[in-house]
All heavy atoms as atom14 arrays in JSON, in Angstrom:
{
  "sequence": "VVIVDDIIDTAGTITKGAVALKSWGAKEIYVCCTHAVLSGPAIQR",
  "atom14_mask": [
    [1, 1, 1, 1, 1, 1, 1, 0, 0, 0, 0, 0, 0, 0],
    [1, 1, 1, 1, 1, 1, 1, 0, 0, 0, 0, 0, 0, 0],
    [1, 1, 1, 1, 1, 1, 1, 1, 0, 0, 0, 0, 0, 0],
    [1, 1, 1, 1, 1, 1, 1, 0, 0, 0, 0, 0, 0, 0],
    [1, 1, 1, 1, 1, 1, 1, 1, 0, 0, 0, 0, 0, 0],
    [1, 1, 1, 1, 1, 1, 1, 1, 0, 0, 0, 0, 0, 0],
    [1, 1, 1, 1, 1, 1, 1, 1, 0, 0, 0, 0, 0, 0],
    [1, 1, 1, 1, 1, 1, 1, 1, 0, 0, 0, 0, 0, 0],
    [1, 1, 1, 1, 1, 1, 1, 1, 0, 0, 0, 0, 0, 0],
    [1, 1, 1, 1, 1, 1, 1, 0, 0, 0, 0, 0, 0, 0],
    [1, 1, 1, 1, 1, 0, 0, 0, 0, 0, 0, 0, 0, 0],
    [1, 1, 1, 1, 0, 0, 0, 0, 0, 0, 0, 0, 0, 0],
    [1, 1, 1, 1, 1, 1, 1, 0, 0, 0, 0, 0, 0, 0],
    [1, 1, 1, 1, 1, 1, 1, 1, 0, 0, 0, 0, 0, 0],
    [1, 1, 1, 1, 1, 1, 1, 0, 0, 0, 0, 0, 0, 0],
    [1, 1, 1, 1, 1, 1, 1, 1, 1, 0, 0, 0, 0, 0],
    [1, 1, 1, 1, 0, 0, 0, 0, 0, 0, 0, 0, 0, 0],
    [1, 1, 1, 1, 1, 0, 0, 0, 0, 0, 0, 0, 0, 0],
    [1, 1, 1, 1, 1, 1, 1, 0, 0, 0, 0, 0, 0, 0],
    [1, 1, 1, 1, 1, 0, 0, 0, 0, 0, 0, 0, 0, 0],
    [1, 1, 1, 1, 1, 1, 1, 1, 0, 0, 0, 0, 0, 0],
    [1, 1, 1, 1, 1, 1, 1, 1, 1, 0, 0, 0, 0, 0],
    [1, 1, 1, 1, 1, 1, 0, 0, 0, 0, 0, 0, 0, 0],
    [1, 1, 1, 1, 1, 1, 1, 1, 1, 1, 1, 1, 1, 1],
    [1, 1, 1, 1, 0, 0, 0, 0, 0, 0, 0, 0, 0, 0],
    [1, 1, 1, 1, 1, 0, 0, 0, 0, 0, 0, 0, 0, 0],
    [1, 1, 1, 1, 1, 1, 1, 1, 1, 0, 0, 0, 0, 0],
    [1, 1, 1, 1, 1, 1, 1, 1, 1, 0, 0, 0, 0, 0],
    [1, 1, 1, 1, 1, 1, 1, 1, 0, 0, 0, 0, 0, 0],
    [1, 1, 1, 1, 1, 1, 1, 1, 1, 1, 1, 1, 0, 0],
    [1, 1, 1, 1, 1, 1, 1, 0, 0, 0, 0, 0, 0, 0],
    [1, 1, 1, 1, 1, 1, 0, 0, 0, 0, 0, 0, 0, 0],
    [1, 1, 1, 1, 1, 1, 0, 0, 0, 0, 0, 0, 0, 0],
    [1, 1, 1, 1, 1, 1, 1, 0, 0, 0, 0, 0, 0, 0],
    [1, 1, 1, 1, 1, 1, 1, 1, 1, 1, 0, 0, 0, 0],
    [1, 1, 1, 1, 1, 0, 0, 0, 0, 0, 0, 0, 0, 0],
    [1, 1, 1, 1, 1, 1, 1, 0, 0, 0, 0, 0, 0, 0],
    [1, 1, 1, 1, 1, 1, 1, 1, 0, 0, 0, 0, 0, 0],
    [1, 1, 1, 1, 1, 1, 0, 0, 0, 0, 0, 0, 0, 0],
    [1, 1, 1, 1, 0, 0, 0, 0, 0, 0, 0, 0, 0, 0],
    [1, 1, 1, 1, 1, 1, 1, 0, 0, 0, 0, 0, 0, 0],
    [1, 1, 1, 1, 1, 0, 0, 0, 0, 0, 0, 0, 0, 0],
    [1, 1, 1, 1, 1, 1, 1, 1, 0, 0, 0, 0, 0, 0],
    [1, 1, 1, 1, 1, 1, 1, 1, 1, 0, 0, 0, 0, 0],
    [1, 1, 1, 1, 1, 1, 1, 1, 1, 1, 1, 0, 0, 0]
  ],
  "atom14_positions": [
    [[-8.44, -7.0, 4.75], [-8.52, -5.67, 4.14], [-7.92, -5.7, 2.73], [-6.86, -6.26, 2.5], [-7.77, -4.64, 5.01], [-7.57, -3.33, 4.26], [-8.53, -4.38, 6.3], [0.0, 0.0, 0.0], [0.0, 0.0, 0.0], [0.0, 0.0, 0.0], [0.0, 0.0, 0.0], [0.0, 0.0, 0.0], [0.0, 0.0, 0.0], [0.0, 0.0, 0.0]],
    [[-8.64, -5.08, 1.78], [-8.12, -4.88, 0.43], [-8.05, -3.37, 0.18], [-9.07, -2.7, 0.1], [-9.02, -5.55, -0.64], [-8.49, -5.24, -2.04], [-9.1, -7.05, -0.42], [0.0, 0.0, 0.0], [0.0, 0.0, 0.0], [0.0, 0.0, 0.0], [0.0, 0.0, 0.0], [0.0, 0.0, 0.0], [0.0, 0.0, 0.0], [0.0, 0.0, 0.0]],
    [[-6.83, -2.84, 0.11], [-6.65, -1.41, -0.2], [-6.59, -1.27, -1.72], [-5.82, -1.98, -2.37], [-5.35, -0.85, 0.42], [-5.25, -1.18, 1.92], [-5.26, 0.65, 0.21], [-3.93, -0.76, 2.56], [0.0, 0.0, 0.0], [0.0, 0.0, 0.0], [0.0, 0.0, 0.0], [0.0, 0.0, 0.0], [0.0, 0.0, 0.0], [0.0, 0.0, 0.0]],
    [[-7.37, -0.35, -2.27], [-7.37, -0.19, -3.73], [-7.03, 1.26, -4.09], [-7.5, 2.2, -3.46], [-8.74, -0.61, -4.34], [-9.89, 0.25, -3.82], [-8.7, -0.56, -5.87], [0.0, 0.0, 0.0], [0.0, 0.0, 0.0], [0.0, 0.0, 0.0], [0.0, 0.0, 0.0], [0.0, 0.0, 0.0], [0.0, 0.0, 0.0], [0.0, 0.0, 0.0]],
    [[-6.16, 1.42, -5.08], [-5.77, 2.74, -5.56], [-5.55, 2.66, -7.07], [-5.45, 1.57, -7.62], [-4.5, 3.21, -4.84], [-4.42, 4.73, -4.7], [-5.23, 5.42, -5.35], [-3.56, 5.22, -3.96], [0.0, 0.0, 0.0], [0.0, 0.0, 0.0], [0.0, 0.0, 0.0], [0.0, 0.0, 0.0], [0.0, 0.0, 0.0], [0.0, 0.0, 0.0]],
    [[-5.45, 3.83, -7.73], [-5.19, 3.78, -9.18], [-3.7, 3.63, -9.46], [-3.3, 2.89, -10.35], [-5.77, 5.03, -9.88], [-5.17, 6.34, -9.36], [-4.74, 6.37, -8.19], [-5.15, 7.33, -10.11], [0.0, 0.0, 0.0], [0.0, 0.0, 0.0], [0.0, 0.0, 0.0], [0.0, 0.0, 0.0], [0.0, 0.0, 0.0], [0.0, 0.0, 0.0]],
    [[-2.87, 4.32, -8.66], [-1.42, 4.33, -8.88], [-0.68, 3.98, -7.59], [-1.05, 4.47, -6.52], [-0.95, 5.73, -9.34], [-1.55, 6.1, -10.71], [0.56, 5.83, -9.41], [-1.32, 7.54, -11.11], [0.0, 0.0, 0.0], [0.0, 0.0, 0.0], [0.0, 0.0, 0.0], [0.0, 0.0, 0.0], [0.0, 0.0, 0.0], [0.0, 0.0, 0.0]],
    [[0.34, 3.14, -7.7], [1.33, 3.03, -6.6], [2.62, 3.61, -7.16], [3.22, 3.05, -8.08], [1.55, 1.58, -6.13], [0.27, 1.01, -5.52], [2.69, 1.54, -5.11], [0.41, -0.43, -5.03], [0.0, 0.0, 0.0], [0.0, 0.0, 0.0], [0.0, 0.0, 0.0], [0.0, 0.0, 0.0], [0.0, 0.0, 0.0], [0.0, 0.0, 0.0]],
    [[3.03, 4.76, -6.63], [4.24, 5.43, -7.12], [5.39, 5.13, -6.15], [6.1, 4.15, -6.31], [3.97, 6.93, -7.27], [5.15, 7.67, -7.89], [6.18, 7.04, -8.15], [5.03, 8.9, -8.13], [0.0, 0.0, 0.0], [0.0, 0.0, 0.0], [0.0, 0.0, 0.0], [0.0, 0.0, 0.0], [0.0, 0.0, 0.0], [0.0, 0.0, 0.0]],
    [[5.56, 5.95, -5.12], [6.64, 5.68, -4.15], [6.15, 4.73, -3.06], [6.93, 4.32, -2.2], [7.12, 6.99, -3.49], [6.0, 7.6, -2.84], [7.69, 7.94, -4.52], [0.0, 0.0, 0.0], [0.0, 0.0, 0.0], [0.0, 0.0, 0.0], [0.0, 0.0, 0.0], [0.0, 0.0, 0.0], [0.0, 0.0, 0.0], [0.0, 0.0, 0.0]],
    [[4.86, 4.39, -3.08], [4.22, 3.46, -2.13], [4.13, 4.01, -0.71], [3.82, 3.27, 0.22], [4.92, 2.09, -2.12], [0.0, 0.0, 0.0], [0.0, 0.0, 0.0], [0.0, 0.0, 0.0], [0.0, 0.0, 0.0], [0.0, 0.0, 0.0], [0.0, 0.0, 0.0], [0.0, 0.0, 0.0], [0.0, 0.0, 0.0], [0.0, 0.0, 0.0]],
    [[4.35, 5.31, -0.53], [4.24, 5.91, 0.8], [2.83, 5.85, 1.35], [2.6, 5.44, 2.5], [0.0, 0.0, 0.0], [0.0, 0.0, 0.0], [0.0, 0.0, 0.0], [0.0, 0.0, 0.0], [0.0, 0.0, 0.0], [0.0, 0.0, 0.0], [0.0, 0.0, 0.0], [0.0, 0.0, 0.0], [0.0, 0.0, 0.0], [0.0, 0.0, 0.0]],
    [[1.87, 6.26, 0.53], [0.46, 6.26, 0.95], [0.01, 4.86, 1.34], [-0.58, 4.64, 2.41], [-0.44, 6.77, -0.21], [-0.08, 8.11, -0.51], [-1.91, 6.71, 0.16], [0.0, 0.0, 0.0], [0.0, 0.0, 0.0], [0.0, 0.0, 0.0], [0.0, 0.0, 0.0], [0.0, 0.0, 0.0], [0.0, 0.0, 0.0], [0.0, 0.0, 0.0]],
    [[0.3, 3.89, 0.47], [-0.18, 2.51, 0.66], [0.46, 1.87, 1.89], [-0.23, 1.24, 2.7], [0.13, 1.67, -0.6], [-0.79, 2.11, -1.77], [0.02, 0.19, -0.34], [-2.23, 1.71, -1.64], [0.0, 0.0, 0.0], [0.0, 0.0, 0.0], [0.0, 0.0, 0.0], [0.0, 0.0, 0.0], [0.0, 0.0, 0.0], [0.0, 0.0, 0.0]],
    [[1.77, 2.02, 2.05], [2.46, 1.33, 3.14], [2.14, 1.96, 4.5], [1.96, 1.25, 5.48], [3.98, 1.28, 2.9], [4.46, 2.6, 2.61], [4.32, 0.37, 1.73], [0.0, 0.0, 0.0], [0.0, 0.0, 0.0], [0.0, 0.0, 0.0], [0.0, 0.0, 0.0], [0.0, 0.0, 0.0], [0.0, 0.0, 0.0], [0.0, 0.0, 0.0]],
    [[2.04, 3.29, 4.54], [1.65, 3.95, 5.8], [0.22, 3.55, 6.17], [-0.1, 3.3, 7.33], [1.76, 5.47, 5.68], [3.18, 5.96, 5.82], [3.26, 7.47, 5.75], [4.72, 7.91, 5.88], [4.86, 9.34, 5.63], [0.0, 0.0, 0.0], [0.0, 0.0, 0.0], [0.0, 0.0, 0.0], [0.0, 0.0, 0.0], [0.0, 0.0, 0.0]],
    [[-0.63, 3.48, 5.14], [-2.0, 3.03, 5.36], [-2.05, 1.61, 5.89], [-2.81, 1.3, 6.82], [0.0, 0.0, 0.0], [0.0, 0.0, 0.0], [0.0, 0.0, 0.0], [0.0, 0.0, 0.0], [0.0, 0.0, 0.0], [0.0, 0.0, 0.0], [0.0, 0.0, 0.0], [0.0, 0.0, 0.0], [0.0, 0.0, 0.0], [0.0, 0.0, 0.0]],
    [[-1.22, 0.72, 5.32], [-1.19, -0.69, 5.74], [-0.72, -0.83, 7.19], [-1.29, -1.59, 7.98], [-0.27, -1.49, 4.81], [0.0, 0.0, 0.0], [0.0, 0.0, 0.0], [0.0, 0.0, 0.0], [0.0, 0.0, 0.0], [0.0, 0.0, 0.0], [0.0, 0.0, 0.0], [0.0, 0.0, 0.0], [0.0, 0.0, 0.0], [0.0, 0.0, 0.0]],
    [[0.31, -0.06, 7.55], [0.82, -0.09, 8.94], [-0.27, 0.37, 9.91], [-0.51, -0.25, 10.96], [2.09, 0.79, 9.07], [2.46, 1.0, 10.53], [3.26, 0.16, 8.31], [0.0, 0.0, 0.0], [0.0, 0.0, 0.0], [0.0, 0.0, 0.0], [0.0, 0.0, 0.0], [0.0, 0.0, 0.0], [0.0, 0.0, 0.0], [0.0, 0.0, 0.0]],
    [[-0.96, 1.46, 9.54], [-2.03, 1.97, 10.4], [-3.17, 0.96, 10.52], [-3.69, 0.71, 11.62], [-2.55, 3.3, 9.83], [0.0, 0.0, 0.0], [0.0, 0.0, 0.0], [0.0, 0.0, 0.0], [0.0, 0.0, 0.0], [0.0, 0.0, 0.0], [0.0, 0.0, 0.0], [0.0, 0.0, 0.0], [0.0, 0.0, 0.0], [0.0, 0.0, 0.0]],
    [[-3.57, 0.35, 9.41], [-4.67, -0.63, 9.42], [-4.31, -1.84, 10.27], [-5.15, -2.39, 10.98], [-5.0, -1.07, 7.98], [-5.67, 0.0, 7.11], [-5.65, -0.41, 5.65], [-7.11, 0.26, 7.56], [0.0, 0.0, 0.0], [0.0, 0.0, 0.0], [0.0, 0.0, 0.0], [0.0, 0.0, 0.0], [0.0, 0.0, 0.0], [0.0, 0.0, 0.0]],
    [[-3.04, -2.26, 10.2], [-2.59, -3.41, 11.01], [-2.69, -3.05, 12.5], [-3.14, -3.85, 13.32], [-1.15, -3.77, 10.65], [-0.72, -5.15, 11.1], [-1.39, -6.23, 10.28], [-0.97, -7.61, 10.75], [-1.77, -8.67, 10.1], [0.0, 0.0, 0.0], [0.0, 0.0, 0.0], [0.0, 0.0, 0.0], [0.0, 0.0, 0.0], [0.0, 0.0, 0.0]],
    [[-2.29, -1.81, 12.82], [-2.33, -1.39, 14.24], [-3.78, -1.23, 14.73], [-4.05, -1.33, 15.91], [-1.57, -0.08, 14.42], [-2.27, 1.0, 13.83], [0.0, 0.0, 0.0], [0.0, 0.0, 0.0], [0.0, 0.0, 0.0], [0.0, 0.0, 0.0], [0.0, 0.0, 0.0], [0.0, 0.0, 0.0], [0.0, 0.0, 0.0], [0.0, 0.0, 0.0]],
    [[-4.71, -1.01, 13.79], [-6.12, -0.89, 14.14], [-6.85, -2.24, 14.11], [-8.07, -2.29, 14.25], [-6.83, 0.1, 13.21], [-6.38, 1.52, 13.4], [-5.97, 2.1, 14.56], [-6.29, 2.53, 12.39], [-5.62, 3.41, 14.34], [-5.82, 3.71, 13.01], [-6.57, 2.58, 11.02], [-5.6, 4.91, 12.32], [-6.36, 3.76, 10.33], [-5.89, 4.91, 10.97]],
    [[-6.1, -3.33, 13.89], [-6.68, -4.66, 14.05], [-7.03, -5.43, 12.79], [-7.73, -6.44, 12.85], [0.0, 0.0, 0.0], [0.0, 0.0, 0.0], [0.0, 0.0, 0.0], [0.0, 0.0, 0.0], [0.0, 0.0, 0.0], [0.0, 0.0, 0.0], [0.0, 0.0, 0.0], [0.0, 0.0, 0.0], [0.0, 0.0, 0.0], [0.0, 0.0, 0.0]],
    [[-6.54, -4.99, 11.64], [-6.79, -5.74, 10.4], [-6.09, -7.09, 10.48], [-4.97, -7.2, 10.98], [-6.28, -4.96, 9.19], [0.0, 0.0, 0.0], [0.0, 0.0, 0.0], [0.0, 0.0, 0.0], [0.0, 0.0, 0.0], [0.0, 0.0, 0.0], [0.0, 0.0, 0.0], [0.0, 0.0, 0.0], [0.0, 0.0, 0.0], [0.0, 0.0, 0.0]],
    [[-6.76, -8.14, 9.97], [-6.2, -9.49, 10.04], [-5.13, -9.69, 8.96], [-3.98, -9.99, 9.24], [-7.32, -10.52, 9.89], [-6.88, -11.95, 10.16], [-8.07, -12.9, 10.25], [-8.78, -13.03, 8.91], [-9.85, -14.02, 8.89], [0.0, 0.0, 0.0], [0.0, 0.0, 0.0], [0.0, 0.0, 0.0], [0.0, 0.0, 0.0], [0.0, 0.0, 0.0]],
    [[-5.54, -9.54, 7.69], [-4.62, -9.65, 6.56], [-4.83, -8.46, 5.65], [-5.95, -7.96, 5.53], [-4.88, -10.94, 5.75], [-4.32, -12.19, 6.38], [-4.54, -13.42, 5.49], [-5.48, -13.39, 4.66], [-3.8, -14.38, 5.62], [0.0, 0.0, 0.0], [0.0, 0.0, 0.0], [0.0, 0.0, 0.0], [0.0, 0.0, 0.0], [0.0, 0.0, 0.0]],
    [[-3.76, -7.99, 5.0], [-3.88, -6.82, 4.14], [-3.41, -7.15, 2.73], [-2.29, -7.63, 2.52], [-3.06, -5.64, 4.71], [-3.6, -5.24, 6.09], [-3.09, -4.44, 3.76], [-2.74, -4.27, 6.86], [0.0, 0.0, 0.0], [0.0, 0.0, 0.0], [0.0, 0.0, 0.0], [0.0, 0.0, 0.0], [0.0, 0.0, 0.0], [0.0, 0.0, 0.0]],
    [[-4.29, -6.9, 1.78], [-3.97, -7.03, 0.35], [-4.03, -5.63, -0.25], [-4.83, -4.79, 0.17], [-4.97, -7.93, -0.36], [-4.91, -9.38, 0.06], [-5.48, -9.8, 1.26], [-4.28, -10.33, -0.74], [-5.42, -11.13, 1.66], [-4.22, -11.66, -0.36], [-4.79, -12.05, 0.84], [-4.72, -13.37, 1.23], [0.0, 0.0, 0.0], [0.0, 0.0, 0.0]],
    [[-3.19, -5.39, -1.25], [-3.17, -4.09, -1.91], [-3.37, -4.32, -3.4], [-2.8, -5.25, -3.97], [-1.81, -3.39, -1.67], [-1.61, -2.22, -2.62], [-1.71, -2.91, -0.23], [0.0, 0.0, 0.0], [0.0, 0.0, 0.0], [0.0, 0.0, 0.0], [0.0, 0.0, 0.0], [0.0, 0.0, 0.0], [0.0, 0.0, 0.0], [0.0, 0.0, 0.0]],
    [[-4.21, -3.51, -4.04], [-4.32, -3.63, -5.49], [-4.36, -2.26, -6.15], [-4.84, -1.29, -5.56], [-5.5, -4.49, -5.9], [-7.07, -4.0, -5.24], [0.0, 0.0, 0.0], [0.0, 0.0, 0.0], [0.0, 0.0, 0.0], [0.0, 0.0, 0.0], [0.0, 0.0, 0.0], [0.0, 0.0, 0.0], [0.0, 0.0, 0.0], [0.0, 0.0, 0.0]],
    [[-3.8, -2.2, -7.36], [-3.77, -0.95, -8.11], [-3.77, -1.28, -9.6], [-3.47, -2.41, -10.0], [-2.54, -0.11, -7.76], [-1.02, -0.77, -8.46], [0.0, 0.0, 0.0], [0.0, 0.0, 0.0], [0.0, 0.0, 0.0], [0.0, 0.0, 0.0], [0.0, 0.0, 0.0], [0.0, 0.0, 0.0], [0.0, 0.0, 0.0], [0.0, 0.0, 0.0]],
    [[-4.08, -0.26, -10.41], [-4.04, -0.45, -11.86], [-2.64, -0.17, -12.4], [-2.12, -0.94, -13.21], [-5.06, 0.47, -12.56], [-6.33, 0.29, -11.95], [-5.17, 0.15, -14.03], [0.0, 0.0, 0.0], [0.0, 0.0, 0.0], [0.0, 0.0, 0.0], [0.0, 0.0, 0.0], [0.0, 0.0, 0.0], [0.0, 0.0, 0.0], [0.0, 0.0, 0.0]],
    [[-2.03, 0.93, -11.94], [-0.76, 1.37, -12.52], [0.39, 1.23, -11.52], [0.4, 1.92, -10.5], [-0.86, 2.83, -12.98], [-2.05, 3.1, -13.84], [-2.25, 2.48, -15.06], [-3.12, 3.93, -13.66], [-3.38, 2.91, -15.59], [-3.93, 3.78, -14.76], [0.0, 0.0, 0.0], [0.0, 0.0, 0.0], [0.0, 0.0, 0.0], [0.0, 0.0, 0.0]],
    [[1.34, 0.37, -11.84], [2.49, 0.14, -10.95], [3.66, 1.03, -11.38], [4.55, 0.6, -12.1], [2.89, -1.33, -11.01], [0.0, 0.0, 0.0], [0.0, 0.0, 0.0], [0.0, 0.0, 0.0], [0.0, 0.0, 0.0], [0.0, 0.0, 0.0], [0.0, 0.0, 0.0], [0.0, 0.0, 0.0], [0.0, 0.0, 0.0], [0.0, 0.0, 0.0]],
    [[3.64, 2.29, -10.93], [4.72, 3.21, -11.27], [6.0, 2.79, -10.55], [7.08, 2.73, -11.14], [4.34, 4.67, -10.93], [5.51, 5.63, -11.18], [3.13, 5.1, -11.76], [0.0, 0.0, 0.0], [0.0, 0.0, 0.0], [0.0, 0.0, 0.0], [0.0, 0.0, 0.0], [0.0, 0.0, 0.0], [0.0, 0.0, 0.0], [0.0, 0.0, 0.0]],
    [[5.88, 2.48, -9.25], [6.97, 1.9, -8.43], [8.3, 2.65, -8.57], [9.31, 2.09, -8.97], [7.18, 0.42, -8.79], [5.95, -0.49, -8.64], [6.29, -1.91, -9.05], [5.41, -0.46, -7.22], [0.0, 0.0, 0.0], [0.0, 0.0, 0.0], [0.0, 0.0, 0.0], [0.0, 0.0, 0.0], [0.0, 0.0, 0.0], [0.0, 0.0, 0.0]],
    [[8.28, 3.94, -8.21], [9.52, 4.72, -8.3], [10.17, 4.84, -6.92], [9.54, 4.58, -5.9], [9.22, 6.11, -8.86], [8.38, 6.83, -7.98], [0.0, 0.0, 0.0], [0.0, 0.0, 0.0], [0.0, 0.0, 0.0], [0.0, 0.0, 0.0], [0.0, 0.0, 0.0], [0.0, 0.0, 0.0], [0.0, 0.0, 0.0], [0.0, 0.0, 0.0]],
    [[11.44, 5.24, -6.92], [12.17, 5.48, -5.67], [12.18, 4.29, -4.74], [12.49, 3.17, -5.15], [0.0, 0.0, 0.0], [0.0, 0.0, 0.0], [0.0, 0.0, 0.0], [0.0, 0.0, 0.0], [0.0, 0.0, 0.0], [0.0, 0.0, 0.0], [0.0, 0.0, 0.0], [0.0, 0.0, 0.0], [0.0, 0.0, 0.0], [0.0, 0.0, 0.0]],
    [[11.79, 4.5, -3.47], [11.87, 3.41, -2.47], [10.66, 2.47, -2.46], [10.45, 1.75, -1.5], [11.96, 4.19, -1.15], [11.14, 5.42, -1.4], [11.3, 5.76, -2.86], [0.0, 0.0, 0.0], [0.0, 0.0, 0.0], [0.0, 0.0, 0.0], [0.0, 0.0, 0.0], [0.0, 0.0, 0.0], [0.0, 0.0, 0.0], [0.0, 0.0, 0.0]],
    [[9.83, 2.49, -3.51], [8.56, 1.77, -3.49], [8.72, 0.28, -3.17], [8.01, -0.25, -2.3], [7.85, 1.93, -4.84], [0.0, 0.0, 0.0], [0.0, 0.0, 0.0], [0.0, 0.0, 0.0], [0.0, 0.0, 0.0], [0.0, 0.0, 0.0], [0.0, 0.0, 0.0], [0.0, 0.0, 0.0], [0.0, 0.0, 0.0], [0.0, 0.0, 0.0]],
    [[9.64, -0.39, -3.84], [9.77, -1.85, -3.67], [10.21, -2.19, -2.25], [9.67, -3.11, -1.62], [10.75, -2.44, -4.72], [10.13, -2.35, -6.12], [11.12, -3.87, -4.4], [8.84, -3.12, -6.3], [0.0, 0.0, 0.0], [0.0, 0.0, 0.0], [0.0, 0.0, 0.0], [0.0, 0.0, 0.0], [0.0, 0.0, 0.0], [0.0, 0.0, 0.0]],
    [[11.18, -1.44, -1.72], [11.64, -1.68, -0.34], [10.49, -1.47, 0.65], [10.31, -2.27, 1.58], [12.8, -0.74, -0.02], [13.43, -1.03, 1.34], [14.51, -0.02, 1.71], [14.97, 0.75, 0.87], [14.9, -0.02, 2.97], [0.0, 0.0, 0.0], [0.0, 0.0, 0.0], [0.0, 0.0, 0.0], [0.0, 0.0, 0.0], [0.0, 0.0, 0.0]],
    [[9.71, -0.42, 0.44], [8.58, -0.14, 1.33], [7.53, -1.26, 1.28], [7.01, -1.68, 2.32], [7.93, 1.19, 0.95], [8.73, 2.4, 1.37], [8.12, 3.68, 0.81], [8.79, 4.87, 1.33], [8.51, 6.11, 0.94], [7.6, 6.32, 0.01], [9.15, 7.14, 1.47], [0.0, 0.0, 0.0], [0.0, 0.0, 0.0], [0.0, 0.0, 0.0]]
  ]
}
């Protein structure tokens, strides 16, 4: 799976999506975005 978005800010959307996709049977998950805002808990998430 390749999740694509324009912005990763707090990474809540992306990481919750990744957890859900893994539970639904995704083999490997890659994430890509154009703008790495990366605020708050983004890196830890």
